[in-house]
N, C-alpha and C. Protein backbone atom coordinates (compact mmCIF):
# COMPACT_ATOMS: atom_id res chain seq x y z
N UNK A 1 24.54 -138.34 -10.47
CA UNK A 1 25.64 -138.19 -11.26
C UNK A 1 25.39 -137.07 -12.24
N UNK A 2 26.38 -136.31 -12.52
CA UNK A 2 26.31 -135.30 -13.56
C UNK A 2 27.16 -135.70 -14.77
N UNK A 3 26.65 -135.57 -15.91
CA UNK A 3 27.35 -135.97 -17.14
C UNK A 3 27.93 -134.74 -17.85
N UNK A 4 29.10 -134.92 -18.46
CA UNK A 4 29.82 -133.85 -19.15
C UNK A 4 29.23 -133.64 -20.54
N UNK A 5 28.60 -134.58 -21.13
CA UNK A 5 28.14 -134.53 -22.43
C UNK A 5 26.60 -134.79 -22.39
N UNK A 6 25.75 -133.94 -22.93
CA UNK A 6 24.32 -133.99 -22.88
C UNK A 6 23.70 -134.68 -24.16
N UNK A 7 24.56 -135.09 -25.04
CA UNK A 7 24.00 -135.68 -26.33
C UNK A 7 23.32 -137.01 -26.10
N UNK A 8 22.42 -137.33 -27.05
CA UNK A 8 21.71 -138.57 -26.98
C UNK A 8 22.66 -139.70 -27.01
N UNK A 9 23.72 -139.73 -27.81
CA UNK A 9 24.72 -140.80 -27.92
C UNK A 9 25.38 -141.02 -26.57
N UNK A 10 25.73 -139.87 -25.89
CA UNK A 10 26.42 -139.97 -24.63
C UNK A 10 25.54 -140.65 -23.58
N UNK A 11 24.19 -140.20 -23.60
CA UNK A 11 23.25 -140.73 -22.61
C UNK A 11 23.09 -142.27 -22.87
N UNK A 12 23.00 -142.65 -24.09
CA UNK A 12 22.87 -144.13 -24.39
C UNK A 12 24.10 -144.86 -23.99
N UNK A 13 25.22 -144.32 -24.21
CA UNK A 13 26.54 -144.96 -23.85
C UNK A 13 26.58 -145.11 -22.32
N UNK A 14 26.16 -144.08 -21.57
CA UNK A 14 26.15 -144.11 -20.14
C UNK A 14 25.22 -145.25 -19.67
N UNK A 15 24.03 -145.27 -20.17
CA UNK A 15 23.09 -146.32 -19.78
C UNK A 15 23.54 -147.73 -20.11
N UNK A 16 24.22 -147.94 -21.23
CA UNK A 16 24.71 -149.26 -21.52
C UNK A 16 25.82 -149.69 -20.49
N UNK A 17 26.65 -148.70 -20.13
CA UNK A 17 27.63 -149.00 -19.12
C UNK A 17 27.00 -149.36 -17.76
N UNK A 18 26.10 -148.60 -17.30
CA UNK A 18 25.50 -148.78 -16.05
C UNK A 18 24.71 -150.10 -15.99
N UNK A 19 24.04 -150.50 -17.03
CA UNK A 19 23.28 -151.76 -17.06
C UNK A 19 24.19 -152.93 -16.78
N UNK A 20 25.48 -152.85 -17.17
CA UNK A 20 26.35 -153.95 -16.97
C UNK A 20 26.82 -154.13 -15.54
N UNK A 21 26.58 -153.13 -14.67
CA UNK A 21 27.10 -153.23 -13.29
C UNK A 21 26.12 -153.84 -12.42
N UNK A 22 26.33 -154.98 -11.83
CA UNK A 22 25.38 -155.60 -10.92
C UNK A 22 25.16 -154.80 -9.63
N UNK A 23 26.12 -154.01 -9.24
CA UNK A 23 25.97 -153.25 -7.99
C UNK A 23 24.98 -152.07 -8.17
N UNK A 24 24.74 -151.67 -9.38
CA UNK A 24 23.67 -150.60 -9.67
C UNK A 24 22.32 -151.31 -9.72
N UNK A 25 21.52 -151.02 -8.68
CA UNK A 25 20.21 -151.69 -8.57
C UNK A 25 19.17 -150.82 -9.30
N UNK A 26 19.37 -149.54 -9.36
CA UNK A 26 18.38 -148.70 -10.06
C UNK A 26 19.22 -147.55 -10.71
N UNK A 27 18.61 -147.09 -11.84
CA UNK A 27 19.18 -145.86 -12.54
C UNK A 27 18.02 -145.08 -13.02
N UNK A 28 17.96 -143.79 -12.61
CA UNK A 28 16.85 -142.94 -12.93
C UNK A 28 17.40 -141.57 -13.52
N UNK A 29 16.83 -141.21 -14.66
CA UNK A 29 17.12 -139.91 -15.26
C UNK A 29 16.28 -138.90 -14.45
N UNK A 30 16.88 -137.88 -13.96
CA UNK A 30 16.23 -136.94 -13.17
C UNK A 30 16.40 -135.52 -13.59
N UNK A 31 15.58 -134.55 -12.99
CA UNK A 31 15.70 -133.16 -13.24
C UNK A 31 16.56 -132.52 -12.19
N UNK A 32 17.09 -131.39 -12.38
CA UNK A 32 17.92 -130.67 -11.38
C UNK A 32 19.31 -130.51 -11.75
N UNK A 33 20.21 -130.41 -10.79
CA UNK A 33 21.64 -130.14 -11.11
C UNK A 33 22.38 -131.35 -11.67
N UNK A 34 21.77 -132.60 -11.50
CA UNK A 34 22.46 -133.77 -11.97
C UNK A 34 21.45 -134.51 -12.94
N UNK A 35 22.02 -135.34 -13.79
CA UNK A 35 21.21 -136.02 -14.81
C UNK A 35 20.66 -137.40 -14.30
N UNK A 36 21.41 -138.06 -13.48
CA UNK A 36 21.07 -139.39 -13.12
C UNK A 36 21.19 -139.70 -11.56
N UNK A 37 20.24 -140.51 -11.17
CA UNK A 37 20.23 -140.91 -9.77
C UNK A 37 20.40 -142.46 -9.78
N UNK A 38 21.42 -142.91 -9.16
CA UNK A 38 21.73 -144.34 -9.05
C UNK A 38 21.50 -144.87 -7.68
N UNK A 39 20.87 -146.05 -7.53
CA UNK A 39 20.85 -146.71 -6.22
C UNK A 39 21.85 -147.90 -6.39
N UNK A 40 22.86 -147.81 -5.52
CA UNK A 40 23.92 -148.77 -5.56
C UNK A 40 23.93 -149.56 -4.26
N UNK A 41 24.02 -150.91 -4.38
CA UNK A 41 24.06 -151.70 -3.18
C UNK A 41 25.39 -152.47 -3.14
N UNK A 42 26.07 -152.24 -2.00
CA UNK A 42 27.35 -152.94 -1.77
C UNK A 42 27.32 -153.50 -0.40
N UNK A 43 28.23 -154.42 -0.17
CA UNK A 43 28.31 -155.21 1.07
C UNK A 43 28.76 -154.31 2.26
N UNK A 44 29.60 -153.33 1.99
CA UNK A 44 30.17 -152.51 3.08
C UNK A 44 30.74 -151.20 2.40
N UNK A 45 31.03 -150.20 3.18
CA UNK A 45 31.41 -148.95 2.67
C UNK A 45 32.66 -148.99 1.83
N UNK A 46 33.61 -149.73 2.26
CA UNK A 46 34.86 -149.84 1.43
C UNK A 46 34.60 -150.45 0.07
N UNK A 47 33.64 -151.31 -0.11
CA UNK A 47 33.30 -151.87 -1.40
C UNK A 47 32.73 -150.75 -2.29
N UNK A 48 32.00 -149.82 -1.69
CA UNK A 48 31.51 -148.64 -2.52
C UNK A 48 32.71 -147.76 -2.98
N UNK A 49 33.69 -147.60 -2.12
CA UNK A 49 34.87 -146.84 -2.55
C UNK A 49 35.50 -147.51 -3.80
N UNK A 50 35.58 -148.80 -3.85
CA UNK A 50 36.21 -149.53 -4.95
C UNK A 50 35.27 -149.33 -6.17
N UNK A 51 33.98 -149.40 -5.99
CA UNK A 51 33.02 -149.29 -7.07
C UNK A 51 33.12 -147.85 -7.65
N UNK A 52 33.18 -146.85 -6.78
CA UNK A 52 33.26 -145.48 -7.12
C UNK A 52 34.53 -145.21 -8.00
N UNK A 53 35.66 -145.82 -7.49
CA UNK A 53 36.97 -145.60 -8.24
C UNK A 53 37.06 -146.39 -9.49
N UNK A 54 36.68 -147.70 -9.45
CA UNK A 54 36.87 -148.60 -10.56
C UNK A 54 35.77 -148.52 -11.61
N UNK A 55 34.54 -148.06 -11.31
CA UNK A 55 33.47 -148.06 -12.21
C UNK A 55 33.02 -146.61 -12.57
N UNK A 56 32.49 -145.96 -11.53
CA UNK A 56 31.88 -144.61 -11.82
C UNK A 56 32.96 -143.63 -12.36
N UNK A 57 34.13 -143.54 -11.77
CA UNK A 57 35.04 -142.59 -12.15
C UNK A 57 35.72 -142.86 -13.55
N UNK A 58 35.54 -144.08 -14.04
CA UNK A 58 36.05 -144.44 -15.27
C UNK A 58 35.07 -144.22 -16.53
N UNK A 59 33.88 -143.80 -16.16
CA UNK A 59 32.89 -143.49 -17.22
C UNK A 59 33.28 -142.23 -17.98
N UNK A 60 33.40 -142.22 -19.26
CA UNK A 60 33.84 -140.99 -19.95
C UNK A 60 32.82 -139.86 -19.80
N UNK A 61 31.56 -140.26 -19.60
CA UNK A 61 30.52 -139.20 -19.52
C UNK A 61 30.45 -138.52 -18.10
N UNK A 62 31.17 -139.07 -17.11
CA UNK A 62 31.06 -138.64 -15.75
C UNK A 62 31.64 -137.20 -15.61
N UNK A 63 30.87 -136.31 -15.01
CA UNK A 63 31.31 -134.93 -14.72
C UNK A 63 31.39 -134.72 -13.24
N UNK A 64 30.43 -135.25 -12.47
CA UNK A 64 30.37 -135.03 -11.01
C UNK A 64 29.59 -136.16 -10.40
N UNK A 65 30.09 -136.56 -9.24
CA UNK A 65 29.46 -137.63 -8.46
C UNK A 65 29.15 -137.04 -7.04
N UNK A 66 27.94 -137.21 -6.60
CA UNK A 66 27.62 -136.90 -5.25
C UNK A 66 27.07 -138.18 -4.59
N UNK A 67 27.62 -138.54 -3.44
CA UNK A 67 27.30 -139.81 -2.78
C UNK A 67 26.49 -139.50 -1.53
N UNK A 68 25.37 -140.19 -1.33
CA UNK A 68 24.60 -140.06 -0.08
C UNK A 68 24.45 -141.49 0.39
N UNK A 69 24.69 -141.72 1.72
CA UNK A 69 24.63 -142.99 2.27
C UNK A 69 23.40 -143.11 3.17
N UNK A 70 22.58 -144.11 2.93
CA UNK A 70 21.38 -144.30 3.79
C UNK A 70 21.84 -144.95 5.06
N UNK A 71 21.53 -144.37 6.21
CA UNK A 71 21.81 -144.90 7.49
C UNK A 71 20.67 -145.58 8.16
N UNK A 72 19.44 -145.16 7.73
CA UNK A 72 18.23 -145.74 8.34
C UNK A 72 17.02 -145.36 7.40
N UNK A 73 15.98 -146.10 7.51
CA UNK A 73 14.78 -145.77 6.67
C UNK A 73 13.53 -145.86 7.53
N UNK A 74 12.75 -144.77 7.58
CA UNK A 74 11.52 -144.79 8.29
C UNK A 74 10.45 -145.51 7.45
N UNK A 75 10.57 -145.57 6.20
CA UNK A 75 9.67 -146.32 5.35
C UNK A 75 10.35 -146.71 4.10
N UNK A 76 10.21 -147.97 3.74
CA UNK A 76 10.79 -148.51 2.53
C UNK A 76 9.91 -149.62 2.06
N UNK A 77 9.20 -149.36 0.94
CA UNK A 77 8.22 -150.31 0.41
C UNK A 77 8.70 -151.08 -0.77
N UNK A 78 10.02 -151.06 -1.09
CA UNK A 78 10.56 -151.90 -2.11
C UNK A 78 10.44 -153.36 -1.76
N UNK A 79 10.09 -154.13 -2.75
CA UNK A 79 9.94 -155.57 -2.52
C UNK A 79 11.29 -156.28 -2.44
């Protein structure tokens, strides 16, 4: 995700909002063209569409969202 406001207050508000969402399993602050990487787990793709519309797009800090869907994993060591 890309945020429209880079201030400390905006970052903290974003994190407070994301922590409240049970579908967000991980949230990482990253370098590059976007500020945050979220790992979201949903039951099916249509549920992600609802999450995207009802949660992510409503965040006031949101500037851009890029979605990548995992179709298979050659290696995954998460417990």
